[in-house]
Amino acid sequence: MRVVLLFAVALLVLTVLLPLLRHPLAKRTRPRVAISDELVKDPVCQTYVVRSRAVRGGAADAPYFCSEECARRYVG
């Protein structure tokens, strides 16, 4: 009876410890995902727009806008 109990405890310990021992040994690294675009905030209506789809004012340092209407309201 002791042998069966000892075997059951050993099996339980191995079942619990084996995944913990495998984790550091296996190199599970997630691939890095590059952020393709970022959100920019429209200064007129305070909404966030993906930069690639945003409307830009005329100057190089002009802010980004969600639409042509917000760009016109910002200028005028």
N, C-alpha and C. Protein backbone atom coordinates (compact mmCIF):
# COMPACT_ATOMS: atom_id res chain seq x y z
N MET A 1 0.83 -1.20 0.00
CA MET A 1 0.00 0.00 0.00
C MET A 1 0.86 1.25 0.00
N ARG A 2 1.97 1.21 0.75
CA ARG A 2 2.85 2.37 0.79
C ARG A 2 3.48 2.64 -0.57
N VAL A 3 3.77 1.59 -1.28
CA VAL A 3 4.39 1.75 -2.60
C VAL A 3 3.43 2.45 -3.55
N VAL A 4 2.17 2.11 -3.52
CA VAL A 4 1.16 2.74 -4.37
C VAL A 4 1.00 4.21 -3.99
N LEU A 5 0.96 4.50 -2.70
CA LEU A 5 0.83 5.87 -2.23
C LEU A 5 2.06 6.68 -2.61
N LEU A 6 3.24 6.12 -2.45
CA LEU A 6 4.48 6.80 -2.82
C LEU A 6 4.54 7.05 -4.32
N PHE A 7 4.09 6.06 -5.10
CA PHE A 7 4.05 6.23 -6.55
C PHE A 7 3.08 7.34 -6.95
N ALA A 8 1.92 7.41 -6.30
CA ALA A 8 0.93 8.44 -6.61
C ALA A 8 1.46 9.83 -6.27
N VAL A 9 2.13 9.96 -5.14
CA VAL A 9 2.71 11.26 -4.75
C VAL A 9 3.81 11.66 -5.72
N ALA A 10 4.65 10.70 -6.10
CA ALA A 10 5.73 11.00 -7.05
C ALA A 10 5.16 11.41 -8.40
N LEU A 11 4.11 10.75 -8.84
CA LEU A 11 3.47 11.10 -10.10
C LEU A 11 2.85 12.49 -10.04
N LEU A 12 2.24 12.81 -8.92
CA LEU A 12 1.65 14.14 -8.73
C LEU A 12 2.72 15.22 -8.74
N VAL A 13 3.83 14.97 -8.06
CA VAL A 13 4.93 15.94 -8.02
C VAL A 13 5.51 16.14 -9.41
N LEU A 14 5.71 15.07 -10.14
CA LEU A 14 6.23 15.18 -11.51
C LEU A 14 5.26 15.92 -12.42
N THR A 15 3.97 15.66 -12.24
CA THR A 15 2.96 16.35 -13.06
C THR A 15 2.98 17.85 -12.81
N VAL A 16 3.23 18.25 -11.59
CA VAL A 16 3.25 19.67 -11.26
C VAL A 16 4.58 20.31 -11.62
N LEU A 17 5.67 19.62 -11.34
CA LEU A 17 7.00 20.22 -11.53
C LEU A 17 7.52 20.16 -12.95
N LEU A 18 7.12 19.18 -13.72
CA LEU A 18 7.64 19.04 -15.07
C LEU A 18 7.34 20.24 -15.96
N PRO A 19 6.11 20.77 -15.98
CA PRO A 19 5.87 21.98 -16.77
C PRO A 19 6.68 23.18 -16.27
N LEU A 20 6.91 23.26 -14.97
CA LEU A 20 7.70 24.36 -14.44
C LEU A 20 9.16 24.24 -14.85
N LEU A 21 9.66 23.02 -14.96
CA LEU A 21 11.03 22.81 -15.39
C LEU A 21 11.21 23.01 -16.89
N ARG A 22 10.19 22.72 -17.65
CA ARG A 22 10.26 22.90 -19.10
C ARG A 22 10.20 24.37 -19.50
N HIS A 23 9.49 25.17 -18.74
CA HIS A 23 9.30 26.57 -19.11
C HIS A 23 10.60 27.34 -19.28
N PRO A 24 11.54 27.30 -18.32
CA PRO A 24 12.78 28.04 -18.54
C PRO A 24 13.65 27.42 -19.63
N LEU A 25 13.53 26.14 -19.85
CA LEU A 25 14.35 25.49 -20.85
C LEU A 25 13.88 25.79 -22.27
N ALA A 26 12.60 25.88 -22.45
CA ALA A 26 12.05 26.18 -23.77
C ALA A 26 12.05 27.69 -23.97
N LYS A 27 12.60 28.10 -25.06
CA LYS A 27 12.65 29.54 -25.34
C LYS A 27 11.38 29.94 -26.07
N ARG A 28 10.43 30.35 -25.29
CA ARG A 28 9.16 30.79 -25.85
C ARG A 28 9.17 32.31 -25.93
N THR A 29 9.67 32.81 -26.99
CA THR A 29 9.68 34.26 -27.17
C THR A 29 8.63 34.63 -28.19
N ARG A 30 7.89 35.62 -27.88
CA ARG A 30 6.88 36.10 -28.81
C ARG A 30 7.56 36.99 -29.85
N PRO A 31 7.15 36.86 -31.08
CA PRO A 31 7.74 37.74 -32.09
C PRO A 31 7.33 39.19 -31.84
N ARG A 32 8.27 40.06 -32.02
CA ARG A 32 7.97 41.47 -31.82
C ARG A 32 7.12 41.99 -32.96
N VAL A 33 6.10 42.72 -32.60
CA VAL A 33 5.21 43.29 -33.60
C VAL A 33 5.50 44.77 -33.68
N ALA A 34 5.86 45.20 -34.85
CA ALA A 34 6.14 46.62 -35.04
C ALA A 34 4.83 47.39 -35.15
N ILE A 35 4.78 48.52 -34.52
CA ILE A 35 3.60 49.36 -34.61
C ILE A 35 3.63 50.03 -35.97
N SER A 36 2.65 49.70 -36.77
CA SER A 36 2.66 50.20 -38.14
C SER A 36 2.24 51.66 -38.22
N ASP A 37 1.41 52.08 -37.32
CA ASP A 37 0.94 53.46 -37.34
C ASP A 37 0.54 53.86 -35.94
N GLU A 38 0.48 55.12 -35.69
CA GLU A 38 0.11 55.60 -34.37
C GLU A 38 -1.08 56.53 -34.47
N LEU A 39 -1.71 56.76 -33.34
CA LEU A 39 -2.85 57.66 -33.30
C LEU A 39 -2.39 59.07 -33.01
N VAL A 40 -3.02 60.02 -33.69
CA VAL A 40 -2.76 61.44 -33.45
C VAL A 40 -4.08 62.10 -33.08
N LYS A 41 -3.99 63.15 -32.29
CA LYS A 41 -5.21 63.81 -31.78
C LYS A 41 -5.52 65.04 -32.61
N ASP A 42 -6.75 65.11 -33.04
CA ASP A 42 -7.24 66.27 -33.78
C ASP A 42 -7.41 67.42 -32.79
N PRO A 43 -6.78 68.60 -33.03
CA PRO A 43 -6.90 69.71 -32.09
C PRO A 43 -8.26 70.39 -32.09
N VAL A 44 -9.07 70.16 -33.12
CA VAL A 44 -10.37 70.83 -33.20
C VAL A 44 -11.45 70.02 -32.49
N CYS A 45 -11.63 68.78 -32.90
CA CYS A 45 -12.72 67.99 -32.32
C CYS A 45 -12.24 66.99 -31.27
N GLN A 46 -10.94 66.96 -31.01
CA GLN A 46 -10.36 66.14 -29.95
C GLN A 46 -10.53 64.64 -30.16
N THR A 47 -10.67 64.20 -31.41
CA THR A 47 -10.74 62.77 -31.69
C THR A 47 -9.37 62.25 -32.09
N TYR A 48 -9.19 60.95 -31.98
CA TYR A 48 -7.93 60.32 -32.37
C TYR A 48 -8.09 59.68 -33.74
N VAL A 49 -7.08 59.87 -34.57
CA VAL A 49 -7.10 59.39 -35.94
C VAL A 49 -5.79 58.66 -36.20
N VAL A 50 -5.84 57.61 -37.01
CA VAL A 50 -4.62 56.94 -37.43
C VAL A 50 -3.86 57.91 -38.32
N ARG A 51 -2.57 58.07 -38.05
CA ARG A 51 -1.78 59.11 -38.73
C ARG A 51 -1.80 58.95 -40.25
N SER A 52 -1.76 57.72 -40.74
CA SER A 52 -1.73 57.52 -42.19
C SER A 52 -3.03 57.96 -42.86
N ARG A 53 -4.12 58.03 -42.11
CA ARG A 53 -5.41 58.44 -42.67
C ARG A 53 -5.79 59.87 -42.30
N ALA A 54 -4.98 60.54 -41.53
CA ALA A 54 -5.29 61.89 -41.08
C ALA A 54 -5.02 62.90 -42.18
N VAL A 55 -5.70 64.02 -42.07
CA VAL A 55 -5.52 65.14 -42.99
C VAL A 55 -4.50 66.06 -42.37
N ARG A 56 -3.54 66.51 -43.16
CA ARG A 56 -2.48 67.38 -42.66
C ARG A 56 -2.69 68.78 -43.19
N GLY A 57 -2.39 69.76 -42.35
CA GLY A 57 -2.48 71.15 -42.79
C GLY A 57 -1.41 71.46 -43.84
N GLY A 58 -1.35 72.69 -44.31
CA GLY A 58 -0.43 73.04 -45.38
C GLY A 58 1.03 73.07 -44.98
N ALA A 59 1.36 73.51 -43.78
CA ALA A 59 2.75 73.62 -43.36
C ALA A 59 3.30 72.26 -42.93
N ALA A 60 4.63 72.16 -42.91
CA ALA A 60 5.27 70.89 -42.53
C ALA A 60 5.04 70.57 -41.06
N ASP A 61 4.92 71.60 -40.23
CA ASP A 61 4.71 71.36 -38.80
C ASP A 61 3.24 71.49 -38.39
N ALA A 62 2.35 71.46 -39.36
CA ALA A 62 0.92 71.59 -39.08
C ALA A 62 0.41 70.34 -38.37
N PRO A 63 -0.61 70.49 -37.52
CA PRO A 63 -1.15 69.31 -36.83
C PRO A 63 -1.95 68.42 -37.78
N TYR A 64 -2.31 67.26 -37.27
CA TYR A 64 -3.13 66.31 -38.02
C TYR A 64 -4.59 66.53 -37.67
N PHE A 65 -5.47 66.31 -38.66
CA PHE A 65 -6.90 66.49 -38.47
C PHE A 65 -7.64 65.24 -38.92
N CYS A 66 -8.86 65.08 -38.40
CA CYS A 66 -9.66 63.91 -38.78
C CYS A 66 -10.34 64.10 -40.12
N SER A 67 -10.56 65.36 -40.52
CA SER A 67 -11.24 65.62 -41.79
C SER A 67 -10.83 66.98 -42.33
N GLU A 68 -11.20 67.22 -43.59
CA GLU A 68 -10.93 68.52 -44.21
C GLU A 68 -11.70 69.63 -43.48
N GLU A 69 -12.89 69.31 -43.00
CA GLU A 69 -13.70 70.30 -42.29
C GLU A 69 -12.98 70.78 -41.02
N CYS A 70 -12.42 69.87 -40.26
CA CYS A 70 -11.69 70.26 -39.05
C CYS A 70 -10.45 71.07 -39.40
N ALA A 71 -9.80 70.75 -40.50
CA ALA A 71 -8.63 71.51 -40.94
C ALA A 71 -9.01 72.93 -41.28
N ARG A 72 -10.16 73.10 -41.97
CA ARG A 72 -10.63 74.46 -42.33
C ARG A 72 -11.04 75.23 -41.08
N ARG A 73 -11.71 74.56 -40.14
CA ARG A 73 -12.12 75.25 -38.90
C ARG A 73 -10.92 75.67 -38.08
N TYR A 74 -9.83 74.91 -38.14
CA TYR A 74 -8.62 75.25 -37.39
C TYR A 74 -7.96 76.51 -37.96
N VAL A 75 -7.94 76.62 -39.28
CA VAL A 75 -7.31 77.77 -39.94
C VAL A 75 -8.18 79.01 -39.80
N GLY A 76 -9.47 78.86 -40.00
CA GLY A 76 -10.35 80.04 -40.04
C GLY A 76 -11.09 80.19 -38.84
